[in-house]
């Protein structure tokens, strides 16, 4: 692992390793519904959609209208996309590849 997170510790490593053990969407729903509140899950899903729309070049107003996210949230995610750890980029790139494979 070349990337060294400022957050990294044994407990977070165990959490992330637990997530990597999940095999499918149903298992993700089961785990995350036990781990997080409904609001936390919806917030994470909203953030991912905001990141996706920002990468597509949508305006803050379009994103706010489509997702209900505040401009502060959109701005924060935009900052992460530009100056963050590239986590959104990794996931969104892989999701695009998967979508293209499904379309074939």
PDB file of N, CA and C in Angstrom:
ATOM      1  N   UNK A   1       0.846  -1.182   0.000  1.00  0.00           N
ATOM      2  CA  UNK A   1       0.000   0.000   0.000  1.00  0.00           C
ATOM      3  C   UNK A   1       0.887   1.240   0.000  1.00  0.00           C
ATOM      4  N   UNK A   2       0.895   1.956  -1.097  1.00  0.00           N
ATOM      5  CA  UNK A   2       1.720   3.154  -1.226  1.00  0.00           C
ATOM      6  C   UNK A   2       1.102   4.352  -0.531  1.00  0.00           C
ATOM      7  N   UNK A   3      -0.226   4.389  -0.508  1.00  0.00           N
ATOM      8  CA  UNK A   3      -0.937   5.511   0.097  1.00  0.00           C
ATOM      9  C   UNK A   3      -0.992   5.328   1.601  1.00  0.00           C
ATOM     10  N   UNK A   4      -0.645   6.371   2.336  1.00  0.00           N
ATOM     11  CA  UNK A   4      -0.699   6.328   3.797  1.00  0.00           C
ATOM     12  C   UNK A   4      -1.733   7.353   4.269  1.00  0.00           C
ATOM     13  N   UNK A   5      -2.844   6.867   4.768  1.00  0.00           N
ATOM     14  CA  UNK A   5      -3.909   7.735   5.251  1.00  0.00           C
ATOM     15  C   UNK A   5      -3.562   8.302   6.618  1.00  0.00           C
ATOM     16  N   UNK A   6      -3.995   9.516   6.850  1.00  0.00           N
ATOM     17  CA  UNK A   6      -3.853  10.121   8.178  1.00  0.00           C
ATOM     18  C   UNK A   6      -4.797   9.455   9.181  1.00  0.00           C
ATOM     19  N   UNK A   7      -5.817   8.795   8.669  1.00  0.00           N
ATOM     20  CA  UNK A   7      -6.810   8.144   9.525  1.00  0.00           C
ATOM     21  C   UNK A   7      -6.450   6.711   9.888  1.00  0.00           C
ATOM     22  N   UNK A   8      -5.484   6.150   9.196  1.00  0.00           N
ATOM     23  CA  UNK A   8      -5.230   4.720   9.310  1.00  0.00           C
ATOM     24  C   UNK A   8      -4.907   4.300  10.737  1.00  0.00           C
ATOM     25  N   UNK A   9      -5.637   3.279  11.174  1.00  0.00           N
ATOM     26  CA  UNK A   9      -5.348   2.609  12.434  1.00  0.00           C
ATOM     27  C   UNK A   9      -5.922   1.199  12.365  1.00  0.00           C
ATOM     28  N   UNK A  10      -5.674   0.412  13.364  1.00  0.00           N
ATOM     29  CA  UNK A  10      -6.073  -0.997  13.363  1.00  0.00           C
ATOM     30  C   UNK A  10      -7.591  -1.162  13.214  1.00  0.00           C
ATOM     31  N   UNK A  11      -8.364  -0.354  13.907  1.00  0.00           N
ATOM     32  CA  UNK A  11      -9.821  -0.483  13.853  1.00  0.00           C
ATOM     33  C   UNK A  11     -10.382  -0.131  12.480  1.00  0.00           C
ATOM     34  N   UNK A  12      -9.854   0.912  11.868  1.00  0.00           N
ATOM     35  CA  UNK A  12     -10.326   1.293  10.538  1.00  0.00           C
ATOM     36  C   UNK A  12      -9.881   0.261   9.507  1.00  0.00           C
ATOM     37  N   UNK A  13      -8.661  -0.260   9.659  1.00  0.00           N
ATOM     38  CA  UNK A  13      -8.221  -1.351   8.782  1.00  0.00           C
ATOM     39  C   UNK A  13      -9.194  -2.527   8.868  1.00  0.00           C
ATOM     40  N   UNK A  14      -9.614  -2.864  10.073  1.00  0.00           N
ATOM     41  CA  UNK A  14     -10.543  -3.982  10.248  1.00  0.00           C
ATOM     42  C   UNK A  14     -11.903  -3.678   9.617  1.00  0.00           C
ATOM     43  N   UNK A  15     -12.365  -2.450   9.766  1.00  0.00           N
ATOM     44  CA  UNK A  15     -13.624  -2.052   9.119  1.00  0.00           C
ATOM     45  C   UNK A  15     -13.517  -2.218   7.613  1.00  0.00           C
ATOM     46  N   UNK A  16     -12.477  -1.669   7.004  1.00  0.00           N
ATOM     47  CA  UNK A  16     -12.326  -1.733   5.556  1.00  0.00           C
ATOM     48  C   UNK A  16     -12.124  -3.170   5.079  1.00  0.00           C
ATOM     49  N   UNK A  17     -11.378  -3.955   5.827  1.00  0.00           N
ATOM     50  CA  UNK A  17     -11.229  -5.370   5.480  1.00  0.00           C
ATOM     51  C   UNK A  17     -12.559  -6.101   5.579  1.00  0.00           C
ATOM     52  N   UNK A  18     -13.402  -5.701   6.523  1.00  0.00           N
ATOM     53  CA  UNK A  18     -14.743  -6.291   6.630  1.00  0.00           C
ATOM     54  C   UNK A  18     -15.566  -5.981   5.392  1.00  0.00           C
ATOM     55  N   UNK A  19     -15.496  -4.744   4.930  1.00  0.00           N
ATOM     56  CA  UNK A  19     -16.236  -4.343   3.728  1.00  0.00           C
ATOM     57  C   UNK A  19     -15.751  -5.145   2.522  1.00  0.00           C
ATOM     58  N   UNK A  20     -14.449  -5.381   2.442  1.00  0.00           N
ATOM     59  CA  UNK A  20     -13.897  -6.139   1.324  1.00  0.00           C
ATOM     60  C   UNK A  20     -14.341  -7.605   1.330  1.00  0.00           C
ATOM     61  N   UNK A  21     -14.903  -8.073   2.437  1.00  0.00           N
ATOM     62  CA  UNK A  21     -15.387  -9.455   2.516  1.00  0.00           C
ATOM     63  C   UNK A  21     -16.778  -9.622   1.903  1.00  0.00           C
ATOM     64  N   UNK A  22     -17.457  -8.522   1.637  1.00  0.00           N
ATOM     65  CA  UNK A  22     -18.813  -8.585   1.096  1.00  0.00           C
ATOM     66  C   UNK A  22     -18.766  -8.994  -0.372  1.00  0.00           C
ATOM     67  N   UNK A  23     -19.664  -9.915  -0.756  1.00  0.00           N
ATOM     68  CA  UNK A  23     -19.636 -10.484  -2.104  1.00  0.00           C
ATOM     69  C   UNK A  23     -20.610  -9.862  -3.080  1.00  0.00           C
ATOM     70  N   UNK A  24     -21.679  -9.230  -2.588  1.00  0.00           N
ATOM     71  CA  UNK A  24     -22.696  -8.740  -3.508  1.00  0.00           C
ATOM     72  C   UNK A  24     -23.503  -7.618  -2.857  1.00  0.00           C
ATOM     73  N   UNK A  25     -24.411  -7.046  -3.630  1.00  0.00           N
ATOM     74  CA  UNK A  25     -25.191  -5.902  -3.145  1.00  0.00           C
ATOM     75  C   UNK A  25     -26.053  -6.297  -1.941  1.00  0.00           C
ATOM     76  N   UNK A  26     -26.647  -7.473  -1.976  1.00  0.00           N
ATOM     77  CA  UNK A  26     -27.472  -7.890  -0.835  1.00  0.00           C
ATOM     78  C   UNK A  26     -26.657  -7.909   0.448  1.00  0.00           C
ATOM     79  N   UNK A  27     -25.443  -8.451   0.385  1.00  0.00           N
ATOM     80  CA  UNK A  27     -24.592  -8.472   1.572  1.00  0.00           C
ATOM     81  C   UNK A  27     -24.222  -7.056   1.999  1.00  0.00           C
ATOM     82  N   UNK A  28     -24.028  -6.152   1.048  1.00  0.00           N
ATOM     83  CA  UNK A  28     -23.742  -4.751   1.379  1.00  0.00           C
ATOM     84  C   UNK A  28     -24.920  -4.133   2.121  1.00  0.00           C
ATOM     85  N   UNK A  29     -26.144  -4.351   1.604  1.00  0.00           N
ATOM     86  CA  UNK A  29     -27.321  -3.831   2.288  1.00  0.00           C
ATOM     87  C   UNK A  29     -27.388  -4.374   3.712  1.00  0.00           C
ATOM     88  N   UNK A  30     -27.197  -5.652   3.875  1.00  0.00           N
ATOM     89  CA  UNK A  30     -27.280  -6.262   5.210  1.00  0.00           C
ATOM     90  C   UNK A  30     -26.245  -5.653   6.167  1.00  0.00           C
ATOM     91  N   UNK A  31     -25.006  -5.553   5.700  1.00  0.00           N
ATOM     92  CA  UNK A  31     -23.940  -5.041   6.558  1.00  0.00           C
ATOM     93  C   UNK A  31     -24.140  -3.569   6.880  1.00  0.00           C
ATOM     94  N   UNK A  32     -24.383  -2.762   5.844  1.00  0.00           N
ATOM     95  CA  UNK A  32     -24.496  -1.322   6.069  1.00  0.00           C
ATOM     96  C   UNK A  32     -25.749  -0.955   6.851  1.00  0.00           C
ATOM     97  N   UNK A  33     -26.837  -1.700   6.680  1.00  0.00           N
ATOM     98  CA  UNK A  33     -28.036  -1.435   7.481  1.00  0.00           C
ATOM     99  C   UNK A  33     -27.790  -1.733   8.958  1.00  0.00           C
ATOM    100  N   UNK A  34     -26.913  -2.682   9.240  1.00  0.00           N
ATOM    101  CA  UNK A  34     -26.544  -2.959  10.636  1.00  0.00           C
ATOM    102  C   UNK A  34     -25.514  -1.966  11.156  1.00  0.00           C
ATOM    103  N   UNK A  35     -24.645  -1.504  10.290  1.00  0.00           N
ATOM    104  CA  UNK A  35     -23.535  -0.641  10.693  1.00  0.00           C
ATOM    105  C   UNK A  35     -23.916   0.828  10.805  1.00  0.00           C
ATOM    106  N   UNK A  36     -24.731   1.314   9.870  1.00  0.00           N
ATOM    107  CA  UNK A  36     -25.014   2.748   9.757  1.00  0.00           C
ATOM    108  C   UNK A  36     -26.497   3.039   9.963  1.00  0.00           C
ATOM    109  N   UNK A  37     -26.775   4.290  10.246  1.00  0.00           N
ATOM    110  CA  UNK A  37     -28.171   4.726  10.271  1.00  0.00           C
ATOM    111  C   UNK A  37     -28.636   4.908   8.824  1.00  0.00           C
ATOM    112  N   UNK A  38     -29.936   4.964   8.643  1.00  0.00           N
ATOM    113  CA  UNK A  38     -30.503   5.198   7.311  1.00  0.00           C
ATOM    114  C   UNK A  38     -29.996   6.527   6.762  1.00  0.00           C
ATOM    115  N   UNK A  39     -29.941   7.536   7.608  1.00  0.00           N
ATOM    116  CA  UNK A  39     -29.477   8.865   7.170  1.00  0.00           C
ATOM    117  C   UNK A  39     -28.021   8.800   6.714  1.00  0.00           C
ATOM    118  N   UNK A  40     -27.182   8.067   7.427  1.00  0.00           N
ATOM    119  CA  UNK A  40     -25.774   7.948   7.033  1.00  0.00           C
ATOM    120  C   UNK A  40     -25.634   7.262   5.677  1.00  0.00           C
ATOM    121  N   UNK A  41     -26.383   6.200   5.457  1.00  0.00           N
ATOM    122  CA  UNK A  41     -26.329   5.488   4.173  1.00  0.00           C
ATOM    123  C   UNK A  41     -26.793   6.400   3.047  1.00  0.00           C
ATOM    124  N   UNK A  42     -27.915   7.094   3.269  1.00  0.00           N
ATOM    125  CA  UNK A  42     -28.434   7.997   2.238  1.00  0.00           C
ATOM    126  C   UNK A  42     -27.470   9.143   1.970  1.00  0.00           C
ATOM    127  N   UNK A  43     -26.804   9.641   2.994  1.00  0.00           N
ATOM    128  CA  UNK A  43     -25.828  10.723   2.822  1.00  0.00           C
ATOM    129  C   UNK A  43     -24.638  10.268   1.992  1.00  0.00           C
ATOM    130  N   UNK A  44     -24.148   9.057   2.267  1.00  0.00           N
ATOM    131  CA  UNK A  44     -23.023   8.536   1.481  1.00  0.00           C
ATOM    132  C   UNK A  44     -23.433   8.326   0.028  1.00  0.00           C
ATOM    133  N   UNK A  45     -24.634   7.806  -0.192  1.00  0.00           N
ATOM    134  CA  UNK A  45     -25.120   7.601  -1.559  1.00  0.00           C
ATOM    135  C   UNK A  45     -25.263   8.941  -2.284  1.00  0.00           C
ATOM    136  N   UNK A  46     -25.767   9.947  -1.561  1.00  0.00           N
ATOM    137  CA  UNK A  46     -25.921  11.278  -2.153  1.00  0.00           C
ATOM    138  C   UNK A  46     -24.563  11.852  -2.538  1.00  0.00           C
ATOM    139  N   UNK A  47     -23.573  11.705  -1.679  1.00  0.00           N
ATOM    140  CA  UNK A  47     -22.236  12.228  -1.967  1.00  0.00           C
ATOM    141  C   UNK A  47     -21.650  11.585  -3.219  1.00  0.00           C
ATOM    142  N   UNK A  48     -21.854  10.279  -3.361  1.00  0.00           N
ATOM    143  CA  UNK A  48     -21.354   9.598  -4.547  1.00  0.00           C
ATOM    144  C   UNK A  48     -22.035  10.123  -5.802  1.00  0.00           C
ATOM    145  N   UNK A  49     -23.342  10.361  -5.727  1.00  0.00           N
ATOM    146  CA  UNK A  49     -24.058  10.907  -6.883  1.00  0.00           C
ATOM    147  C   UNK A  49     -23.574  12.315  -7.215  1.00  0.00           C
ATOM    148  N   UNK A  50     -23.317  13.110  -6.188  1.00  0.00           N
ATOM    149  CA  UNK A  50     -22.790  14.463  -6.411  1.00  0.00           C
ATOM    150  C   UNK A  50     -21.441  14.382  -7.117  1.00  0.00           C
ATOM    151  N   UNK A  51     -20.563  13.506  -6.650  1.00  0.00           N
ATOM    152  CA  UNK A  51     -19.249  13.356  -7.276  1.00  0.00           C
ATOM    153  C   UNK A  51     -19.393  12.935  -8.738  1.00  0.00           C
ATOM    154  N   UNK A  52     -20.292  12.009  -8.994  1.00  0.00           N
ATOM    155  CA  UNK A  52     -20.535  11.536 -10.364  1.00  0.00           C
ATOM    156  C   UNK A  52     -21.005  12.683 -11.256  1.00  0.00           C
ATOM    157  N   UNK A  53     -21.934  13.472 -10.758  1.00  0.00           N
ATOM    158  CA  UNK A  53     -22.464  14.592 -11.543  1.00  0.00           C
ATOM    159  C   UNK A  53     -21.416  15.682 -11.750  1.00  0.00           C
ATOM    160  N   UNK A  54     -20.584  15.925 -10.738  1.00  0.00           N
ATOM    161  CA  UNK A  54     -19.499  16.896 -10.901  1.00  0.00           C
ATOM    162  C   UNK A  54     -18.537  16.444 -11.985  1.00  0.00           C
ATOM    163  N   UNK A  55     -18.210  15.167 -11.991  1.00  0.00           N
ATOM    164  CA  UNK A  55     -17.313  14.650 -13.026  1.00  0.00           C
ATOM    165  C   UNK A  55     -17.929  14.754 -14.414  1.00  0.00           C
ATOM    166  N   UNK A  56     -19.260  14.739 -14.475  1.00  0.00           N
ATOM    167  CA  UNK A  56     -19.954  14.882 -15.752  1.00  0.00           C
ATOM    168  C   UNK A  56     -20.070  16.348 -16.181  1.00  0.00           C
ATOM    169  N   UNK A  57     -19.573  17.260 -15.337  1.00  0.00           N
ATOM    170  CA  UNK A  57     -19.576  18.671 -15.680  1.00  0.00           C
ATOM    171  C   UNK A  57     -20.867  19.402 -15.368  1.00  0.00           C
ATOM    172  N   UNK A  58     -21.725  18.812 -14.549  1.00  0.00           N
ATOM    173  CA  UNK A  58     -22.985  19.462 -14.178  1.00  0.00           C
ATOM    174  C   UNK A  58     -22.705  20.657 -13.270  1.00  0.00           C
ATOM    175  N   UNK A  59     -23.591  21.647 -13.306  1.00  0.00           N
ATOM    176  CA  UNK A  59     -23.446  22.831 -12.460  1.00  0.00           C
ATOM    177  C   UNK A  59     -23.933  22.530 -11.051  1.00  0.00           C
ATOM    178  N   UNK A  60     -23.534  23.390 -10.119  1.00  0.00           N
ATOM    179  CA  UNK A  60     -23.991  23.232  -8.738  1.00  0.00           C
ATOM    180  C   UNK A  60     -25.520  23.259  -8.680  1.00  0.00           C
ATOM    181  N   UNK A  61     -26.132  24.176  -9.441  1.00  0.00           N
ATOM    182  CA  UNK A  61     -27.596  24.272  -9.428  1.00  0.00           C
ATOM    183  C   UNK A  61     -28.245  22.996  -9.941  1.00  0.00           C
ATOM    184  N   UNK A  62     -27.709  22.437 -11.019  1.00  0.00           N
ATOM    185  CA  UNK A  62     -28.250  21.185 -11.553  1.00  0.00           C
ATOM    186  C   UNK A  62     -28.110  20.049 -10.538  1.00  0.00           C
ATOM    187  N   UNK A  63     -26.954  20.001  -9.882  1.00  0.00           N
ATOM    188  CA  UNK A  63     -26.697  18.946  -8.905  1.00  0.00           C
ATOM    189  C   UNK A  63     -27.598  19.108  -7.680  1.00  0.00           C
ATOM    190  N   UNK A  64     -27.726  20.342  -7.219  1.00  0.00           N
ATOM    191  CA  UNK A  64     -28.587  20.620  -6.067  1.00  0.00           C
ATOM    192  C   UNK A  64     -30.027  20.201  -6.372  1.00  0.00           C
ATOM    193  N   UNK A  65     -30.490  20.537  -7.578  1.00  0.00           N
ATOM    194  CA  UNK A  65     -31.856  20.201  -7.972  1.00  0.00           C
ATOM    195  C   UNK A  65     -32.057  18.684  -8.079  1.00  0.00           C
ATOM    196  N   UNK A  66     -31.063  18.005  -8.646  1.00  0.00           N
ATOM    197  CA  UNK A  66     -31.194  16.558  -8.882  1.00  0.00           C
ATOM    198  C   UNK A  66     -31.012  15.732  -7.613  1.00  0.00           C
ATOM    199  N   UNK A  67     -30.100  16.146  -6.721  1.00  0.00           N
ATOM    200  CA  UNK A  67     -29.765  15.313  -5.558  1.00  0.00           C
ATOM    201  C   UNK A  67     -30.315  15.836  -4.236  1.00  0.00           C
ATOM    202  N   UNK A  68     -30.629  17.119  -4.185  1.00  0.00           N
ATOM    203  CA  UNK A  68     -31.047  17.718  -2.925  1.00  0.00           C
ATOM    204  C   UNK A  68     -29.883  18.087  -2.022  1.00  0.00           C
ATOM    205  N   UNK A  69     -28.660  17.900  -2.507  1.00  0.00           N
ATOM    206  CA  UNK A  69     -27.470  18.241  -1.715  1.00  0.00           C
ATOM    207  C   UNK A  69     -27.329  19.752  -1.622  1.00  0.00           C
ATOM    208  N   UNK A  70     -26.827  20.213  -0.496  1.00  0.00           N
ATOM    209  CA  UNK A  70     -26.597  21.645  -0.328  1.00  0.00           C
ATOM    210  C   UNK A  70     -25.382  22.068  -1.142  1.00  0.00           C
ATOM    211  N   UNK A  71     -25.296  23.356  -1.425  1.00  0.00           N
ATOM    212  CA  UNK A  71     -24.133  23.844  -2.164  1.00  0.00           C
ATOM    213  C   UNK A  71     -22.854  23.656  -1.346  1.00  0.00           C
ATOM    214  N   UNK A  72     -22.966  23.680  -0.023  1.00  0.00           N
ATOM    215  CA  UNK A  72     -21.788  23.431   0.826  1.00  0.00           C
ATOM    216  C   UNK A  72     -21.292  22.003   0.631  1.00  0.00           C
ATOM    217  N   UNK A  73     -22.209  21.039   0.581  1.00  0.00           N
ATOM    218  CA  UNK A  73     -21.839  19.641   0.356  1.00  0.00           C
ATOM    219  C   UNK A  73     -21.233  19.476  -1.033  1.00  0.00           C
ATOM    220  N   UNK A  74     -21.849  20.077  -2.021  1.00  0.00           N
ATOM    221  CA  UNK A  74     -21.346  19.980  -3.398  1.00  0.00           C
ATOM    222  C   UNK A  74     -19.941  20.574  -3.475  1.00  0.00           C
ATOM    223  N   UNK A  75     -19.740  21.711  -2.846  1.00  0.00           N
ATOM    224  CA  UNK A  75     -18.440  22.362  -2.844  1.00  0.00           C
ATOM    225  C   UNK A  75     -17.382  21.489  -2.160  1.00  0.00           C
ATOM    226  N   UNK A  76     -17.749  20.886  -1.050  1.00  0.00           N
ATOM    227  CA  UNK A  76     -16.820  20.022  -0.312  1.00  0.00           C
ATOM    228  C   UNK A  76     -16.412  18.823  -1.181  1.00  0.00           C
ATOM    229  N   UNK A  77     -17.383  18.211  -1.847  1.00  0.00           N
ATOM    230  CA  UNK A  77     -17.085  17.059  -2.696  1.00  0.00           C
ATOM    231  C   UNK A  77     -16.241  17.486  -3.890  1.00  0.00           C
ATOM    232  N   UNK A  78     -16.527  18.646  -4.443  1.00  0.00           N
ATOM    233  CA  UNK A  78     -15.715  19.170  -5.542  1.00  0.00           C
ATOM    234  C   UNK A  78     -14.267  19.359  -5.093  1.00  0.00           C
ATOM    235  N   UNK A  79     -14.092  19.839  -3.888  1.00  0.00           N
ATOM    236  CA  UNK A  79     -12.741  20.016  -3.338  1.00  0.00           C
ATOM    237  C   UNK A  79     -12.036  18.661  -3.215  1.00  0.00           C
ATOM    238  N   UNK A  80     -12.774  17.633  -2.740  1.00  0.00           N
ATOM    239  CA  UNK A  80     -12.191  16.291  -2.639  1.00  0.00           C
ATOM    240  C   UNK A  80     -11.819  15.738  -4.014  1.00  0.00           C
ATOM    241  N   UNK A  81     -12.665  16.002  -5.009  1.00  0.00           N
ATOM    242  CA  UNK A  81     -12.369  15.534  -6.364  1.00  0.00           C
ATOM    243  C   UNK A  81     -11.100  16.176  -6.899  1.00  0.00           C
ATOM    244  N   UNK A  82     -10.877  17.429  -6.553  1.00  0.00           N
ATOM    245  CA  UNK A  82      -9.722  18.161  -7.070  1.00  0.00           C
ATOM    246  C   UNK A  82      -8.462  18.033  -6.218  1.00  0.00           C
ATOM    247  N   UNK A  83      -8.632  17.913  -4.911  1.00  0.00           N
ATOM    248  CA  UNK A  83      -7.471  17.953  -4.017  1.00  0.00           C
ATOM    249  C   UNK A  83      -7.448  16.817  -2.997  1.00  0.00           C
ATOM    250  N   UNK A  84      -8.325  15.838  -3.151  1.00  0.00           N
ATOM    251  CA  UNK A  84      -8.435  14.766  -2.178  1.00  0.00           C
ATOM    252  C   UNK A  84      -7.492  13.610  -2.458  1.00  0.00           C
ATOM    253  N   UNK A  85      -7.880  12.453  -1.982  1.00  0.00           N
ATOM    254  CA  UNK A  85      -7.052  11.246  -2.050  1.00  0.00           C
ATOM    255  C   UNK A  85      -7.349  10.386  -3.271  1.00  0.00           C
ATOM    256  N   UNK A  86      -8.164  10.893  -4.191  1.00  0.00           N
ATOM    257  CA  UNK A  86      -8.526  10.222  -5.437  1.00  0.00           C
ATOM    258  C   UNK A  86      -9.439   9.013  -5.242  1.00  0.00           C
ATOM    259  N   UNK A  87     -10.053   8.908  -4.069  1.00  0.00           N
ATOM    260  CA  UNK A  87     -10.961   7.800  -3.801  1.00  0.00           C
ATOM    261  C   UNK A  87     -12.187   7.816  -4.692  1.00  0.00           C
ATOM    262  N   UNK A  88     -12.780   8.994  -4.859  1.00  0.00           N
ATOM    263  CA  UNK A  88     -13.931   9.099  -5.758  1.00  0.00           C
ATOM    264  C   UNK A  88     -13.523   8.699  -7.178  1.00  0.00           C
ATOM    265  N   UNK A  89     -12.369   9.172  -7.621  1.00  0.00           N
ATOM    266  CA  UNK A  89     -11.907   8.872  -8.980  1.00  0.00           C
ATOM    267  C   UNK A  89     -11.773   7.368  -9.199  1.00  0.00           C
ATOM    268  N   UNK A  90     -11.200   6.681  -8.232  1.00  0.00           N
ATOM    269  CA  UNK A  90     -11.017   5.229  -8.342  1.00  0.00           C
ATOM    270  C   UNK A  90     -12.363   4.537  -8.512  1.00  0.00           C
ATOM    271  N   UNK A  91     -13.296   4.861  -7.627  1.00  0.00           N
ATOM    272  CA  UNK A  91     -14.597   4.193  -7.640  1.00  0.00           C
ATOM    273  C   UNK A  91     -15.397   4.553  -8.882  1.00  0.00           C
ATOM    274  N   UNK A  92     -15.442   5.831  -9.223  1.00  0.00           N
ATOM    275  CA  UNK A  92     -16.244   6.248 -10.365  1.00  0.00           C
ATOM    276  C   UNK A  92     -15.700   5.683 -11.675  1.00  0.00           C
ATOM    277  N   UNK A  93     -14.389   5.596 -11.803  1.00  0.00           N
ATOM    278  CA  UNK A  93     -13.786   5.004 -12.992  1.00  0.00           C
ATOM    279  C   UNK A  93     -14.184   3.530 -13.098  1.00  0.00           C
ATOM    280  N   UNK A  94     -14.133   2.810 -12.000  1.00  0.00           N
ATOM    281  CA  UNK A  94     -14.489   1.385 -12.013  1.00  0.00           C
ATOM    282  C   UNK A  94     -15.978   1.179 -12.264  1.00  0.00           C
ATOM    283  N   UNK A  95     -16.802   2.076 -11.741  1.00  0.00           N
ATOM    284  CA  UNK A  95     -18.240   1.974 -12.011  1.00  0.00           C
ATOM    285  C   UNK A  95     -18.533   2.186 -13.494  1.00  0.00           C
ATOM    286  N   UNK A  96     -17.826   3.141 -14.125  1.00  0.00           N
ATOM    287  CA  UNK A  96     -18.001   3.379 -15.565  1.00  0.00           C
ATOM    288  C   UNK A  96     -17.635   2.133 -16.361  1.00  0.00           C
ATOM    289  N   UNK A  97     -16.531   1.504 -15.997  1.00  0.00           N
ATOM    290  CA  UNK A  97     -16.093   0.290 -16.688  1.00  0.00           C
ATOM    291  C   UNK A  97     -17.145  -0.807 -16.538  1.00  0.00           C
ATOM    292  N   UNK A  98     -17.657  -0.958 -15.328  1.00  0.00           N
ATOM    293  CA  UNK A  98     -18.671  -1.990 -15.072  1.00  0.00           C
ATOM    294  C   UNK A  98     -19.946  -1.702 -15.867  1.00  0.00           C
ATOM    295  N   UNK A  99     -20.362  -0.443 -15.926  1.00  0.00           N
ATOM    296  CA  UNK A  99     -21.553  -0.067 -16.691  1.00  0.00           C
ATOM    297  C   UNK A  99     -21.379  -0.393 -18.174  1.00  0.00           C
ATOM    298  N   UNK A 100     -20.187  -0.130 -18.709  1.00  0.00           N
ATOM    299  CA  UNK A 100     -19.914  -0.431 -20.117  1.00  0.00           C
ATOM    300  C   UNK A 100     -19.942  -1.926 -20.374  1.00  0.00           C
ATOM    301  N   UNK A 101     -19.435  -2.720 -19.424  1.00  0.00           N
ATOM    302  CA  UNK A 101     -19.455  -4.172 -19.566  1.00  0.00           C
ATOM    303  C   UNK A 101     -20.881  -4.692 -19.555  1.00  0.00           C
ATOM    304  N   UNK A 102     -21.729  -4.105 -18.725  1.00  0.00           N
ATOM    305  CA  UNK A 102     -23.128  -4.526 -18.648  1.00  0.00           C
ATOM    306  C   UNK A 102     -23.872  -4.187 -19.933  1.00  0.00           C
ATOM    307  N   UNK A 103     -23.528  -3.048 -20.543  1.00  0.00           N
ATOM    308  CA  UNK A 103     -24.172  -2.607 -21.776  1.00  0.00           C
ATOM    309  C   UNK A 103     -23.872  -3.536 -22.955  1.00  0.00           C
ATOM    310  N   UNK A 104     -22.746  -4.241 -22.910  1.00  0.00           N
ATOM    311  CA  UNK A 104     -22.340  -5.114 -24.027  1.00  0.00           C
ATOM    312  C   UNK A 104     -23.204  -6.325 -24.131  1.00  0.00           C
TER     313      UNK A 104
END
